[in-house]
């Protein structure tokens, strides 16, 4: 029998070799945006604006899409100053057919090397309170129109031009951690983000079967990020309505850092990018714990999320509630004994 030290040394050596080979393979396959054509929605602010500057600094040719012309033109100027090959403003509402037509017209005969689907809206009120004021369905529909149908509609407008690209179809889809686990007061937002996950996972398989070059589709799941989306959530009512919940963003990730992470992940060909819920290391652990808990122990995950709602604005209570929930689940699972077959 080999000494334990020899066995451990062999295991570590094999792991080091595998990691080194993986790193080399990833480096060879890394995609460069230089002189590539990128269409980016929701580009006038927040993560979208940061992504635009990130790709501009790498010499990309940009089509920036948003509704506000002045903000969009300012973003184009910033991108040109940052080093973009070109930056064109496309004023369009991604939730409308006229918006999709405007994007299709702006692209013309150009080839699209990467489509970044970032435009989105959030919400911050319980469904029941919206229903009482007869505002629920209007808000639910608006969220789906922008977050889900908006993404699919823009893809439809660009897909022909994307299939002409030498590198195959490339997509970076900005979802949310709420697209992995569904917390209270985010019903419609969670539904729209879960829909994105289902659509693009299915699309990845479809294009993998039909295209000569396999597609690269990256879904990013940011947590709390310091952007305007957190101050412009759909709540219903004049003052946000009963039960509206604000987020405390003191420990949140900056939009620039968030954009940099997802751009690098897509370039490396990553399928999914998971972020910290609140921008902290503890938040990164929470994201992964909740994702697995929601799959293996859905009822337990529901309790954790329910306890954490009061901590949407108080991170300490959120951490405490999460840890208590995890401890209870671990204890319960350790007591479970499978029935002999």
C-alpha atoms as a PDB file:
ATOM      1  CA  UNK A   1       0.000   0.000   0.000  1.00  0.00           C
ATOM      2  CA  UNK A   2       1.402   3.403  -1.007  1.00  0.00           C
ATOM      3  CA  UNK A   3       2.080   5.937   1.729  1.00  0.00           C
ATOM      4  CA  UNK A   4      -0.607   8.571   2.116  1.00  0.00           C
ATOM      5  CA  UNK A   5       1.876  11.339   1.300  1.00  0.00           C
ATOM      6  CA  UNK A   6       2.660   9.754  -2.084  1.00  0.00           C
ATOM      7  CA  UNK A   7      -1.027   9.393  -2.902  1.00  0.00           C
ATOM      8  CA  UNK A   8      -1.735  13.020  -2.017  1.00  0.00           C
ATOM      9  CA  UNK A   9       1.273  14.229  -3.984  1.00  0.00           C
ATOM     10  CA  UNK A  10       0.081  12.298  -7.040  1.00  0.00           C
ATOM     11  CA  UNK A  11      -3.448  13.702  -6.744  1.00  0.00           C
ATOM     12  CA  UNK A  12      -2.172  17.269  -6.447  1.00  0.00           C
ATOM     13  CA  UNK A  13       0.166  16.764  -9.410  1.00  0.00           C
ATOM     14  CA  UNK A  14      -2.683  15.489 -11.581  1.00  0.00           C
ATOM     15  CA  UNK A  15      -4.926  18.381 -10.541  1.00  0.00           C
ATOM     16  CA  UNK A  16      -2.179  20.912 -11.283  1.00  0.00           C
ATOM     17  CA  UNK A  17      -1.660  19.390 -14.735  1.00  0.00           C
ATOM     18  CA  UNK A  18      -5.375  19.475 -15.521  1.00  0.00           C
ATOM     19  CA  UNK A  19      -5.659  23.107 -14.404  1.00  0.00           C
ATOM     20  CA  UNK A  20      -2.635  24.108 -16.490  1.00  0.00           C
ATOM     21  CA  UNK A  21      -4.035  22.409 -19.597  1.00  0.00           C
ATOM     22  CA  UNK A  22      -7.443  23.993 -19.044  1.00  0.00           C
ATOM     23  CA  UNK A  23      -5.837  27.416 -18.754  1.00  0.00           C
ATOM     24  CA  UNK A  24      -3.929  26.917 -22.007  1.00  0.00           C
ATOM     25  CA  UNK A  25      -6.990  25.717 -23.887  1.00  0.00           C
ATOM     26  CA  UNK A  26      -9.039  28.643 -22.583  1.00  0.00           C
ATOM     27  CA  UNK A  27      -6.324  31.093 -23.614  1.00  0.00           C
ATOM     28  CA  UNK A  28      -6.282  29.713 -27.156  1.00  0.00           C
ATOM     29  CA  UNK A  29     -10.044  29.996 -27.485  1.00  0.00           C
ATOM     30  CA  UNK A  30     -10.390  33.455 -25.934  1.00  0.00           C
ATOM     31  CA  UNK A  31     -12.438  35.713 -28.198  1.00  0.00           C
ATOM     32  CA  UNK A  32     -11.251  39.233 -28.976  1.00  0.00           C
ATOM     33  CA  UNK A  33     -13.735  42.058 -29.639  1.00  0.00           C
ATOM     34  CA  UNK A  34     -11.174  44.123 -31.568  1.00  0.00           C
ATOM     35  CA  UNK A  35     -12.674  45.284 -34.881  1.00  0.00           C
ATOM     36  CA  UNK A  36     -15.732  43.125 -34.170  1.00  0.00           C
ATOM     37  CA  UNK A  37     -19.290  44.431 -34.547  1.00  0.00           C
ATOM     38  CA  UNK A  38     -21.243  44.437 -31.280  1.00  0.00           C
ATOM     39  CA  UNK A  39     -24.907  45.352 -30.791  1.00  0.00           C
ATOM     40  CA  UNK A  40     -25.644  46.287 -27.169  1.00  0.00           C
ATOM     41  CA  UNK A  41     -29.069  47.102 -25.713  1.00  0.00           C
ATOM     42  CA  UNK A  42     -29.731  49.220 -22.628  1.00  0.00           C
ATOM     43  CA  UNK A  43     -26.467  50.999 -23.420  1.00  0.00           C
ATOM     44  CA  UNK A  44     -27.206  54.485 -22.085  1.00  0.00           C
ATOM     45  CA  UNK A  45     -26.636  53.779 -18.374  1.00  0.00           C
ATOM     46  CA  UNK A  46     -25.717  51.246 -15.713  1.00  0.00           C
ATOM     47  CA  UNK A  47     -24.203  47.899 -16.695  1.00  0.00           C
ATOM     48  CA  UNK A  48     -24.915  48.586 -20.367  1.00  0.00           C
ATOM     49  CA  UNK A  49     -22.919  51.823 -20.362  1.00  0.00           C
ATOM     50  CA  UNK A  50     -20.059  50.063 -18.570  1.00  0.00           C
ATOM     51  CA  UNK A  51     -20.117  47.186 -21.053  1.00  0.00           C
ATOM     52  CA  UNK A  52     -20.019  49.682 -23.920  1.00  0.00           C
ATOM     53  CA  UNK A  53     -16.899  51.345 -22.502  1.00  0.00           C
ATOM     54  CA  UNK A  54     -15.318  47.950 -21.812  1.00  0.00           C
ATOM     55  CA  UNK A  55     -15.731  46.845 -25.414  1.00  0.00           C
ATOM     56  CA  UNK A  56     -14.800  50.300 -26.717  1.00  0.00           C
ATOM     57  CA  UNK A  57     -11.453  50.105 -24.926  1.00  0.00           C
ATOM     58  CA  UNK A  58     -10.800  46.897 -26.875  1.00  0.00           C
ATOM     59  CA  UNK A  59     -11.447  48.541 -30.237  1.00  0.00           C
ATOM     60  CA  UNK A  60     -14.905  47.180 -31.042  1.00  0.00           C
ATOM     61  CA  UNK A  61     -17.386  48.589 -33.546  1.00  0.00           C
ATOM     62  CA  UNK A  62     -20.494  49.406 -31.516  1.00  0.00           C
ATOM     63  CA  UNK A  63     -24.199  49.789 -32.167  1.00  0.00           C
ATOM     64  CA  UNK A  64     -25.585  51.175 -28.905  1.00  0.00           C
ATOM     65  CA  UNK A  65     -29.330  50.766 -28.369  1.00  0.00           C
ATOM     66  CA  UNK A  66     -31.516  52.656 -25.868  1.00  0.00           C
ATOM     67  CA  UNK A  67     -34.582  54.923 -25.744  1.00  0.00           C
ATOM     68  CA  UNK A  68     -33.005  58.196 -24.561  1.00  0.00           C
ATOM     69  CA  UNK A  69     -31.228  59.922 -27.434  1.00  0.00           C
ATOM     70  CA  UNK A  70     -29.186  62.417 -25.400  1.00  0.00           C
ATOM     71  CA  UNK A  71     -27.864  59.812 -22.983  1.00  0.00           C
ATOM     72  CA  UNK A  72     -27.169  57.441 -25.863  1.00  0.00           C
ATOM     73  CA  UNK A  73     -25.223  60.029 -27.848  1.00  0.00           C
ATOM     74  CA  UNK A  74     -23.208  60.859 -24.725  1.00  0.00           C
ATOM     75  CA  UNK A  75     -22.408  57.150 -24.359  1.00  0.00           C
ATOM     76  CA  UNK A  76     -21.246  57.040 -27.977  1.00  0.00           C
ATOM     77  CA  UNK A  77     -18.895  59.976 -27.364  1.00  0.00           C
ATOM     78  CA  UNK A  78     -17.466  58.239 -24.295  1.00  0.00           C
ATOM     79  CA  UNK A  79     -16.911  55.060 -26.298  1.00  0.00           C
ATOM     80  CA  UNK A  80     -15.107  56.863 -29.098  1.00  0.00           C
ATOM     81  CA  UNK A  81     -12.875  58.556 -26.542  1.00  0.00           C
ATOM     82  CA  UNK A  82     -12.198  55.157 -24.968  1.00  0.00           C
ATOM     83  CA  UNK A  83     -10.961  53.696 -28.263  1.00  0.00           C
ATOM     84  CA  UNK A  84     -13.966  52.259 -30.094  1.00  0.00           C
ATOM     85  CA  UNK A  85     -13.545  51.636 -33.823  1.00  0.00           C
ATOM     86  CA  UNK A  86     -16.955  53.294 -34.229  1.00  0.00           C
ATOM     87  CA  UNK A  87     -20.027  53.920 -32.085  1.00  0.00           C
ATOM     88  CA  UNK A  88     -23.483  54.461 -33.549  1.00  0.00           C
ATOM     89  CA  UNK A  89     -26.554  55.433 -31.521  1.00  0.00           C
ATOM     90  CA  UNK A  90     -29.713  53.450 -32.271  1.00  0.00           C
ATOM     91  CA  UNK A  91     -32.732  55.012 -30.567  1.00  0.00           C
ATOM     92  CA  UNK A  92     -35.232  52.196 -30.099  1.00  0.00           C
ATOM     93  CA  UNK A  93     -37.685  50.721 -27.604  1.00  0.00           C
ATOM     94  CA  UNK A  94     -36.727  47.036 -27.416  1.00  0.00           C
ATOM     95  CA  UNK A  95     -40.246  46.049 -26.352  1.00  0.00           C
ATOM     96  CA  UNK A  96     -41.854  47.202 -29.611  1.00  0.00           C
ATOM     97  CA  UNK A  97     -41.908  46.011 -33.213  1.00  0.00           C
ATOM     98  CA  UNK A  98     -40.921  49.510 -34.359  1.00  0.00           C
ATOM     99  CA  UNK A  99     -37.876  49.255 -32.097  1.00  0.00           C
ATOM    100  CA  UNK A 100     -36.882  45.909 -33.588  1.00  0.00           C
ATOM    101  CA  UNK A 101     -37.297  47.356 -37.084  1.00  0.00           C
ATOM    102  CA  UNK A 102     -35.095  50.333 -36.139  1.00  0.00           C
ATOM    103  CA  UNK A 103     -32.333  47.999 -34.973  1.00  0.00           C
ATOM    104  CA  UNK A 104     -32.619  45.847 -38.090  1.00  0.00           C
ATOM    105  CA  UNK A 105     -32.457  48.963 -40.278  1.00  0.00           C
ATOM    106  CA  UNK A 106     -29.448  50.389 -38.432  1.00  0.00           C
ATOM    107  CA  UNK A 107     -27.449  47.196 -38.885  1.00  0.00           C
ATOM    108  CA  UNK A 108     -28.258  46.949 -42.571  1.00  0.00           C
ATOM    109  CA  UNK A 109     -25.890  44.550 -44.334  1.00  0.00           C
ATOM    110  CA  UNK A 110     -23.358  44.547 -41.503  1.00  0.00           C
ATOM    111  CA  UNK A 111     -22.350  41.301 -39.808  1.00  0.00           C
ATOM    112  CA  UNK A 112     -23.002  41.119 -36.069  1.00  0.00           C
ATOM    113  CA  UNK A 113     -20.220  39.334 -34.170  1.00  0.00           C
ATOM    114  CA  UNK A 114     -21.785  39.705 -30.723  1.00  0.00           C
ATOM    115  CA  UNK A 115     -25.227  40.633 -29.430  1.00  0.00           C
ATOM    116  CA  UNK A 116     -25.393  41.840 -25.826  1.00  0.00           C
ATOM    117  CA  UNK A 117     -28.922  41.757 -24.411  1.00  0.00           C
ATOM    118  CA  UNK A 118     -28.860  44.012 -21.369  1.00  0.00           C
ATOM    119  CA  UNK A 119     -31.994  46.207 -21.445  1.00  0.00           C
ATOM    120  CA  UNK A 120     -34.294  45.527 -18.504  1.00  0.00           C
ATOM    121  CA  UNK A 121     -36.659  46.707 -15.779  1.00  0.00           C
ATOM    122  CA  UNK A 122     -37.026  45.545 -12.175  1.00  0.00           C
ATOM    123  CA  UNK A 123     -39.837  45.726  -9.621  1.00  0.00           C
ATOM    124  CA  UNK A 124     -40.165  46.041  -5.844  1.00  0.00           C
ATOM    125  CA  UNK A 125     -43.665  45.367  -4.506  1.00  0.00           C
ATOM    126  CA  UNK A 126     -45.645  42.286  -3.399  1.00  0.00           C
ATOM    127  CA  UNK A 127     -48.014  40.960  -6.066  1.00  0.00           C
ATOM    128  CA  UNK A 128     -50.973  41.059  -3.659  1.00  0.00           C
ATOM    129  CA  UNK A 129     -50.577  44.789  -2.991  1.00  0.00           C
ATOM    130  CA  UNK A 130     -50.407  45.475  -6.741  1.00  0.00           C
ATOM    131  CA  UNK A 131     -53.471  43.305  -7.298  1.00  0.00           C
ATOM    132  CA  UNK A 132     -55.463  45.217  -4.664  1.00  0.00           C
ATOM    133  CA  UNK A 133     -54.817  48.430  -6.590  1.00  0.00           C
ATOM    134  CA  UNK A 134     -55.595  46.687  -9.913  1.00  0.00           C
ATOM    135  CA  UNK A 135     -52.093  47.443 -11.176  1.00  0.00           C
ATOM    136  CA  UNK A 136     -50.633  43.934 -11.123  1.00  0.00           C
ATOM    137  CA  UNK A 137     -51.254  42.803 -14.682  1.00  0.00           C
ATOM    138  CA  UNK A 138     -50.090  46.035 -16.273  1.00  0.00           C
ATOM    139  CA  UNK A 139     -46.782  45.785 -14.415  1.00  0.00           C
ATOM    140  CA  UNK A 140     -46.395  42.035 -15.072  1.00  0.00           C
ATOM    141  CA  UNK A 141     -46.976  42.528 -18.797  1.00  0.00           C
ATOM    142  CA  UNK A 142     -44.598  45.483 -18.996  1.00  0.00           C
ATOM    143  CA  UNK A 143     -41.828  43.485 -17.319  1.00  0.00           C
ATOM    144  CA  UNK A 144     -42.261  40.573 -19.720  1.00  0.00           C
ATOM    145  CA  UNK A 145     -42.460  42.904 -22.726  1.00  0.00           C
ATOM    146  CA  UNK A 146     -39.135  44.568 -21.879  1.00  0.00           C
ATOM    147  CA  UNK A 147     -37.101  41.858 -20.157  1.00  0.00           C
ATOM    148  CA  UNK A 148     -38.188  38.788 -22.114  1.00  0.00           C
ATOM    149  CA  UNK A 149     -39.940  39.752 -25.355  1.00  0.00           C
ATOM    150  CA  UNK A 150     -37.523  42.658 -25.745  1.00  0.00           C
ATOM    151  CA  UNK A 151     -34.550  40.288 -25.696  1.00  0.00           C
ATOM    152  CA  UNK A 152     -36.162  37.782 -28.047  1.00  0.00           C
ATOM    153  CA  UNK A 153     -37.341  40.533 -30.416  1.00  0.00           C
ATOM    154  CA  UNK A 154     -33.870  42.082 -30.687  1.00  0.00           C
ATOM    155  CA  UNK A 155     -32.391  38.624 -31.255  1.00  0.00           C
ATOM    156  CA  UNK A 156     -34.896  38.043 -34.037  1.00  0.00           C
ATOM    157  CA  UNK A 157     -33.871  41.346 -35.650  1.00  0.00           C
ATOM    158  CA  UNK A 158     -30.160  40.490 -35.473  1.00  0.00           C
ATOM    159  CA  UNK A 159     -30.038  36.722 -35.935  1.00  0.00           C
ATOM    160  CA  UNK A 160     -29.586  36.761 -39.714  1.00  0.00           C
ATOM    161  CA  UNK A 161     -26.593  39.091 -39.395  1.00  0.00           C
ATOM    162  CA  UNK A 162     -25.203  37.024 -36.500  1.00  0.00           C
ATOM    163  CA  UNK A 163     -25.261  33.764 -38.468  1.00  0.00           C
ATOM    164  CA  UNK A 164     -22.939  35.346 -41.032  1.00  0.00           C
ATOM    165  CA  UNK A 165     -20.171  35.908 -38.471  1.00  0.00           C
ATOM    166  CA  UNK A 166     -17.033  33.769 -38.801  1.00  0.00           C
ATOM    167  CA  UNK A 167     -17.058  32.995 -35.087  1.00  0.00           C
ATOM    168  CA  UNK A 168     -20.648  31.796 -35.160  1.00  0.00           C
ATOM    169  CA  UNK A 169     -23.559  33.146 -33.129  1.00  0.00           C
ATOM    170  CA  UNK A 170     -22.345  34.878 -29.974  1.00  0.00           C
ATOM    171  CA  UNK A 171     -24.695  36.134 -27.250  1.00  0.00           C
ATOM    172  CA  UNK A 172     -24.144  37.738 -23.864  1.00  0.00           C
ATOM    173  CA  UNK A 173     -27.435  37.810 -21.948  1.00  0.00           C
ATOM    174  CA  UNK A 174     -27.601  39.911 -18.774  1.00  0.00           C
ATOM    175  CA  UNK A 175     -30.021  38.164 -16.445  1.00  0.00           C
ATOM    176  CA  UNK A 176     -30.014  38.507 -12.636  1.00  0.00           C
ATOM    177  CA  UNK A 177     -29.474  36.425  -9.528  1.00  0.00           C
ATOM    178  CA  UNK A 178     -33.278  36.657  -9.380  1.00  0.00           C
ATOM    179  CA  UNK A 179     -33.220  34.464 -12.492  1.00  0.00           C
ATOM    180  CA  UNK A 180     -31.799  31.685 -10.286  1.00  0.00           C
ATOM    181  CA  UNK A 181     -33.813  32.085  -7.084  1.00  0.00           C
ATOM    182  CA  UNK A 182     -37.066  34.005  -6.757  1.00  0.00           C
ATOM    183  CA  UNK A 183     -37.248  36.322  -3.706  1.00  0.00           C
ATOM    184  CA  UNK A 184     -40.374  38.081  -2.456  1.00  0.00           C
ATOM    185  CA  UNK A 185     -41.438  41.407  -4.069  1.00  0.00           C
ATOM    186  CA  UNK A 186     -39.782  40.396  -7.374  1.00  0.00           C
ATOM    187  CA  UNK A 187     -42.495  38.124  -8.838  1.00  0.00           C
ATOM    188  CA  UNK A 188     -42.753  39.614 -12.329  1.00  0.00           C
ATOM    189  CA  UNK A 189     -39.039  40.370 -12.517  1.00  0.00           C
ATOM    190  CA  UNK A 190     -38.143  36.805 -11.519  1.00  0.00           C
ATOM    191  CA  UNK A 191     -40.615  35.405 -14.066  1.00  0.00           C
ATOM    192  CA  UNK A 192     -39.053  37.405 -16.893  1.00  0.00           C
ATOM    193  CA  UNK A 193     -35.516  36.368 -15.925  1.00  0.00           C
ATOM    194  CA  UNK A 194     -36.459  32.696 -15.537  1.00  0.00           C
ATOM    195  CA  UNK A 195     -37.989  32.939 -19.016  1.00  0.00           C
ATOM    196  CA  UNK A 196     -34.694  34.223 -20.404  1.00  0.00           C
ATOM    197  CA  UNK A 197     -32.846  31.254 -18.945  1.00  0.00           C
ATOM    198  CA  UNK A 198     -35.257  28.749 -20.474  1.00  0.00           C
ATOM    199  CA  UNK A 199     -35.252  30.400 -23.894  1.00  0.00           C
ATOM    200  CA  UNK A 200     -31.509  30.788 -24.291  1.00  0.00           C
ATOM    201  CA  UNK A 201     -30.661  27.366 -22.890  1.00  0.00           C
ATOM    202  CA  UNK A 202     -32.995  25.845 -25.485  1.00  0.00           C
ATOM    203  CA  UNK A 203     -31.592  28.115 -28.207  1.00  0.00           C
ATOM    204  CA  UNK A 204     -28.047  26.988 -27.379  1.00  0.00           C
ATOM    205  CA  UNK A 205     -29.036  23.385 -28.111  1.00  0.00           C
ATOM    206  CA  UNK A 206     -30.927  24.308 -31.294  1.00  0.00           C
ATOM    207  CA  UNK A 207     -28.049  26.300 -32.779  1.00  0.00           C
ATOM    208  CA  UNK A 208     -25.576  23.651 -31.679  1.00  0.00           C
ATOM    209  CA  UNK A 209     -27.502  21.199 -33.849  1.00  0.00           C
ATOM    210  CA  UNK A 210     -27.992  23.442 -36.884  1.00  0.00           C
ATOM    211  CA  UNK A 211     -24.934  25.712 -37.143  1.00  0.00           C
ATOM    212  CA  UNK A 212     -21.526  24.729 -38.531  1.00  0.00           C
ATOM    213  CA  UNK A 213     -19.849  26.749 -35.765  1.00  0.00           C
ATOM    214  CA  UNK A 214     -21.225  25.997 -32.269  1.00  0.00           C
ATOM    215  CA  UNK A 215     -22.829  29.064 -30.632  1.00  0.00           C
ATOM    216  CA  UNK A 216     -21.355  30.853 -27.637  1.00  0.00           C
ATOM    217  CA  UNK A 217     -24.199  31.898 -25.342  1.00  0.00           C
ATOM    218  CA  UNK A 218     -23.281  33.331 -21.948  1.00  0.00           C
ATOM    219  CA  UNK A 219     -25.913  34.053 -19.295  1.00  0.00           C
ATOM    220  CA  UNK A 220     -24.742  36.432 -16.557  1.00  0.00           C
ATOM    221  CA  UNK A 221     -26.526  36.571 -13.185  1.00  0.00           C
ATOM    222  CA  UNK A 222     -25.517  39.805 -11.373  1.00  0.00           C
ATOM    223  CA  UNK A 223     -26.620  40.448  -7.810  1.00  0.00           C
ATOM    224  CA  UNK A 224     -26.930  43.930  -6.328  1.00  0.00           C
ATOM    225  CA  UNK A 225     -25.158  46.409  -8.603  1.00  0.00           C
ATOM    226  CA  UNK A 226     -25.057  50.183  -8.203  1.00  0.00           C
ATOM    227  CA  UNK A 227     -27.188  51.235 -11.182  1.00  0.00           C
ATOM    228  CA  UNK A 228     -30.302  53.294 -11.887  1.00  0.00           C
ATOM    229  CA  UNK A 229     -32.418  50.148 -12.260  1.00  0.00           C
ATOM    230  CA  UNK A 230     -32.580  49.979  -8.451  1.00  0.00           C
ATOM    231  CA  UNK A 231     -34.085  53.481  -8.269  1.00  0.00           C
ATOM    232  CA  UNK A 232     -36.512  52.986 -11.140  1.00  0.00           C
ATOM    233  CA  UNK A 233     -38.190  49.693 -10.234  1.00  0.00           C
ATOM    234  CA  UNK A 234     -41.843  49.236 -11.111  1.00  0.00           C
ATOM    235  CA  UNK A 235     -43.798  49.354  -7.848  1.00  0.00           C
ATOM    236  CA  UNK A 236     -47.197  50.665  -8.782  1.00  0.00           C
ATOM    237  CA  UNK A 237     -48.861  53.650  -7.162  1.00  0.00           C
ATOM    238  CA  UNK A 238     -47.486  57.141  -6.728  1.00  0.00           C
ATOM    239  CA  UNK A 239     -45.317  56.400  -3.708  1.00  0.00           C
ATOM    240  CA  UNK A 240     -44.334  52.840  -4.503  1.00  0.00           C
ATOM    241  CA  UNK A 241     -47.380  51.306  -2.924  1.00  0.00           C
ATOM    242  CA  UNK A 242     -47.826  49.197   0.175  1.00  0.00           C
ATOM    243  CA  UNK A 243     -44.991  46.810   0.886  1.00  0.00           C
ATOM    244  CA  UNK A 244     -42.481  48.347  -1.536  1.00  0.00           C
ATOM    245  CA  UNK A 245     -38.945  47.289  -0.595  1.00  0.00           C
ATOM    246  CA  UNK A 246     -35.811  49.347  -1.221  1.00  0.00           C
ATOM    247  CA  UNK A 247     -32.355  47.858  -1.577  1.00  0.00           C
ATOM    248  CA  UNK A 248     -29.359  48.944   0.469  1.00  0.00           C
ATOM    249  CA  UNK A 249     -26.529  49.203  -2.063  1.00  0.00           C
ATOM    250  CA  UNK A 250     -23.644  50.346   0.148  1.00  0.00           C
ATOM    251  CA  UNK A 251     -21.876  47.005  -0.322  1.00  0.00           C
ATOM    252  CA  UNK A 252     -22.959  46.452  -3.909  1.00  0.00           C
ATOM    253  CA  UNK A 253     -20.673  45.826  -6.842  1.00  0.00           C
ATOM    254  CA  UNK A 254     -19.891  48.709  -9.175  1.00  0.00           C
ATOM    255  CA  UNK A 255     -21.298  48.551 -12.698  1.00  0.00           C
ATOM    256  CA  UNK A 256     -17.777  48.745 -14.175  1.00  0.00           C
ATOM    257  CA  UNK A 257     -16.573  45.744 -12.211  1.00  0.00           C
ATOM    258  CA  UNK A 258     -19.734  43.808 -13.052  1.00  0.00           C
ATOM    259  CA  UNK A 259     -19.301  44.555 -16.774  1.00  0.00           C
ATOM    260  CA  UNK A 260     -15.622  43.627 -16.750  1.00  0.00           C
ATOM    261  CA  UNK A 261     -16.346  40.230 -15.194  1.00  0.00           C
ATOM    262  CA  UNK A 262     -19.043  39.262 -17.683  1.00  0.00           C
ATOM    263  CA  UNK A 263     -17.079  40.517 -20.709  1.00  0.00           C
ATOM    264  CA  UNK A 264     -14.076  38.394 -19.717  1.00  0.00           C
ATOM    265  CA  UNK A 265     -16.301  35.397 -19.014  1.00  0.00           C
ATOM    266  CA  UNK A 266     -17.935  35.601 -22.433  1.00  0.00           C
ATOM    267  CA  UNK A 267     -14.571  35.979 -24.155  1.00  0.00           C
ATOM    268  CA  UNK A 268     -13.465  32.774 -22.423  1.00  0.00           C
ATOM    269  CA  UNK A 269     -16.597  30.971 -23.647  1.00  0.00           C
ATOM    270  CA  UNK A 270     -18.278  30.574 -20.251  1.00  0.00           C
ATOM    271  CA  UNK A 271     -21.846  29.289 -20.261  1.00  0.00           C
ATOM    272  CA  UNK A 272     -22.926  30.966 -16.994  1.00  0.00           C
ATOM    273  CA  UNK A 273     -21.521  33.741 -14.798  1.00  0.00           C
ATOM    274  CA  UNK A 274     -22.616  33.757 -11.151  1.00  0.00           C
ATOM    275  CA  UNK A 275     -22.193  36.877  -9.028  1.00  0.00           C
ATOM    276  CA  UNK A 276     -22.353  37.749  -5.364  1.00  0.00           C
ATOM    277  CA  UNK A 277     -25.846  38.753  -4.211  1.00  0.00           C
ATOM    278  CA  UNK A 278     -24.538  41.919  -2.554  1.00  0.00           C
ATOM    279  CA  UNK A 279     -21.014  42.348  -3.935  1.00  0.00           C
ATOM    280  CA  UNK A 280     -19.310  40.756  -0.918  1.00  0.00           C
ATOM    281  CA  UNK A 281     -17.525  37.414  -0.507  1.00  0.00           C
ATOM    282  CA  UNK A 282     -20.281  36.269   1.823  1.00  0.00           C
ATOM    283  CA  UNK A 283     -22.780  37.223  -0.871  1.00  0.00           C
ATOM    284  CA  UNK A 284     -20.929  35.054  -3.399  1.00  0.00           C
ATOM    285  CA  UNK A 285     -21.284  32.061  -1.083  1.00  0.00           C
ATOM    286  CA  UNK A 286     -24.969  32.870  -0.558  1.00  0.00           C
ATOM    287  CA  UNK A 287     -25.624  32.873  -4.310  1.00  0.00           C
ATOM    288  CA  UNK A 288     -24.212  29.384  -4.726  1.00  0.00           C
ATOM    289  CA  UNK A 289     -25.851  28.034  -1.581  1.00  0.00           C
ATOM    290  CA  UNK A 290     -29.283  29.332  -2.511  1.00  0.00           C
ATOM    291  CA  UNK A 291     -29.000  28.035  -6.068  1.00  0.00           C
ATOM    292  CA  UNK A 292     -28.337  24.488  -4.864  1.00  0.00           C
ATOM    293  CA  UNK A 293     -30.771  24.715  -1.969  1.00  0.00           C
ATOM    294  CA  UNK A 294     -33.532  25.800  -4.342  1.00  0.00           C
ATOM    295  CA  UNK A 295     -32.872  22.685  -6.439  1.00  0.00           C
ATOM    296  CA  UNK A 296     -32.418  20.048  -3.740  1.00  0.00           C
ATOM    297  CA  UNK A 297     -34.507  21.555  -0.910  1.00  0.00           C
ATOM    298  CA  UNK A 298     -37.063  23.904  -2.537  1.00  0.00           C
ATOM    299  CA  UNK A 299     -39.267  24.203   0.552  1.00  0.00           C
ATOM    300  CA  UNK A 300     -36.276  25.042   2.712  1.00  0.00           C
ATOM    301  CA  UNK A 301     -35.045  27.605   0.203  1.00  0.00           C
ATOM    302  CA  UNK A 302     -38.489  29.250   0.293  1.00  0.00           C
ATOM    303  CA  UNK A 303     -38.170  29.686   4.049  1.00  0.00           C
ATOM    304  CA  UNK A 304     -34.695  31.184   3.722  1.00  0.00           C
ATOM    305  CA  UNK A 305     -35.920  33.677   1.120  1.00  0.00           C
ATOM    306  CA  UNK A 306     -38.993  34.555   3.185  1.00  0.00           C
ATOM    307  CA  UNK A 307     -36.864  35.282   6.249  1.00  0.00           C
ATOM    308  CA  UNK A 308     -34.470  37.400   4.237  1.00  0.00           C
ATOM    309  CA  UNK A 309     -37.072  39.800   2.839  1.00  0.00           C
ATOM    310  CA  UNK A 310     -36.792  42.175   5.759  1.00  0.00           C
ATOM    311  CA  UNK A 311     -33.071  42.265   5.130  1.00  0.00           C
ATOM    312  CA  UNK A 312     -33.355  43.540   1.577  1.00  0.00           C
ATOM    313  CA  UNK A 313     -32.278  46.779   3.217  1.00  0.00           C
ATOM    314  CA  UNK A 314     -30.338  45.202   6.120  1.00  0.00           C
ATOM    315  CA  UNK A 315     -27.650  42.795   4.971  1.00  0.00           C
ATOM    316  CA  UNK A 316     -26.784  41.544   8.467  1.00  0.00           C
ATOM    317  CA  UNK A 317     -30.274  40.186   9.039  1.00  0.00           C
ATOM    318  CA  UNK A 318     -30.170  38.628   5.580  1.00  0.00           C
ATOM    319  CA  UNK A 319     -26.938  36.767   6.337  1.00  0.00           C
ATOM    320  CA  UNK A 320     -28.293  35.635   9.722  1.00  0.00           C
ATOM    321  CA  UNK A 321     -31.516  34.345   8.172  1.00  0.00           C
ATOM    322  CA  UNK A 322     -29.619  32.511   5.433  1.00  0.00           C
ATOM    323  CA  UNK A 323     -27.180  30.823   7.813  1.00  0.00           C
ATOM    324  CA  UNK A 324     -29.991  29.717  10.129  1.00  0.00           C
ATOM    325  CA  UNK A 325     -31.882  28.256   7.179  1.00  0.00           C
ATOM    326  CA  UNK A 326     -28.814  26.409   5.907  1.00  0.00           C
ATOM    327  CA  UNK A 327     -28.091  25.009   9.393  1.00  0.00           C
ATOM    328  CA  UNK A 328     -31.647  23.667   9.692  1.00  0.00           C
ATOM    329  CA  UNK A 329     -31.433  22.031   6.272  1.00  0.00           C
ATOM    330  CA  UNK A 330     -28.076  20.413   7.065  1.00  0.00           C
ATOM    331  CA  UNK A 331     -29.435  19.034  10.358  1.00  0.00           C
ATOM    332  CA  UNK A 332     -32.588  17.763   8.651  1.00  0.00           C
ATOM    333  CA  UNK A 333     -30.640  16.066   5.858  1.00  0.00           C
ATOM    334  CA  UNK A 334     -28.262  14.394   8.325  1.00  0.00           C
ATOM    335  CA  UNK A 335     -31.256  12.833  10.111  1.00  0.00           C
ATOM    336  CA  UNK A 336     -32.813  11.523   6.923  1.00  0.00           C
ATOM    337  CA  UNK A 337     -32.365   7.791   6.432  1.00  0.00           C
ATOM    338  CA  UNK A 338     -33.277   6.273   3.040  1.00  0.00           C
ATOM    339  CA  UNK A 339     -35.715   3.377   3.045  1.00  0.00           C
ATOM    340  CA  UNK A 340     -33.952   0.070   2.231  1.00  0.00           C
ATOM    341  CA  UNK A 341     -34.926  -1.294  -1.155  1.00  0.00           C
END
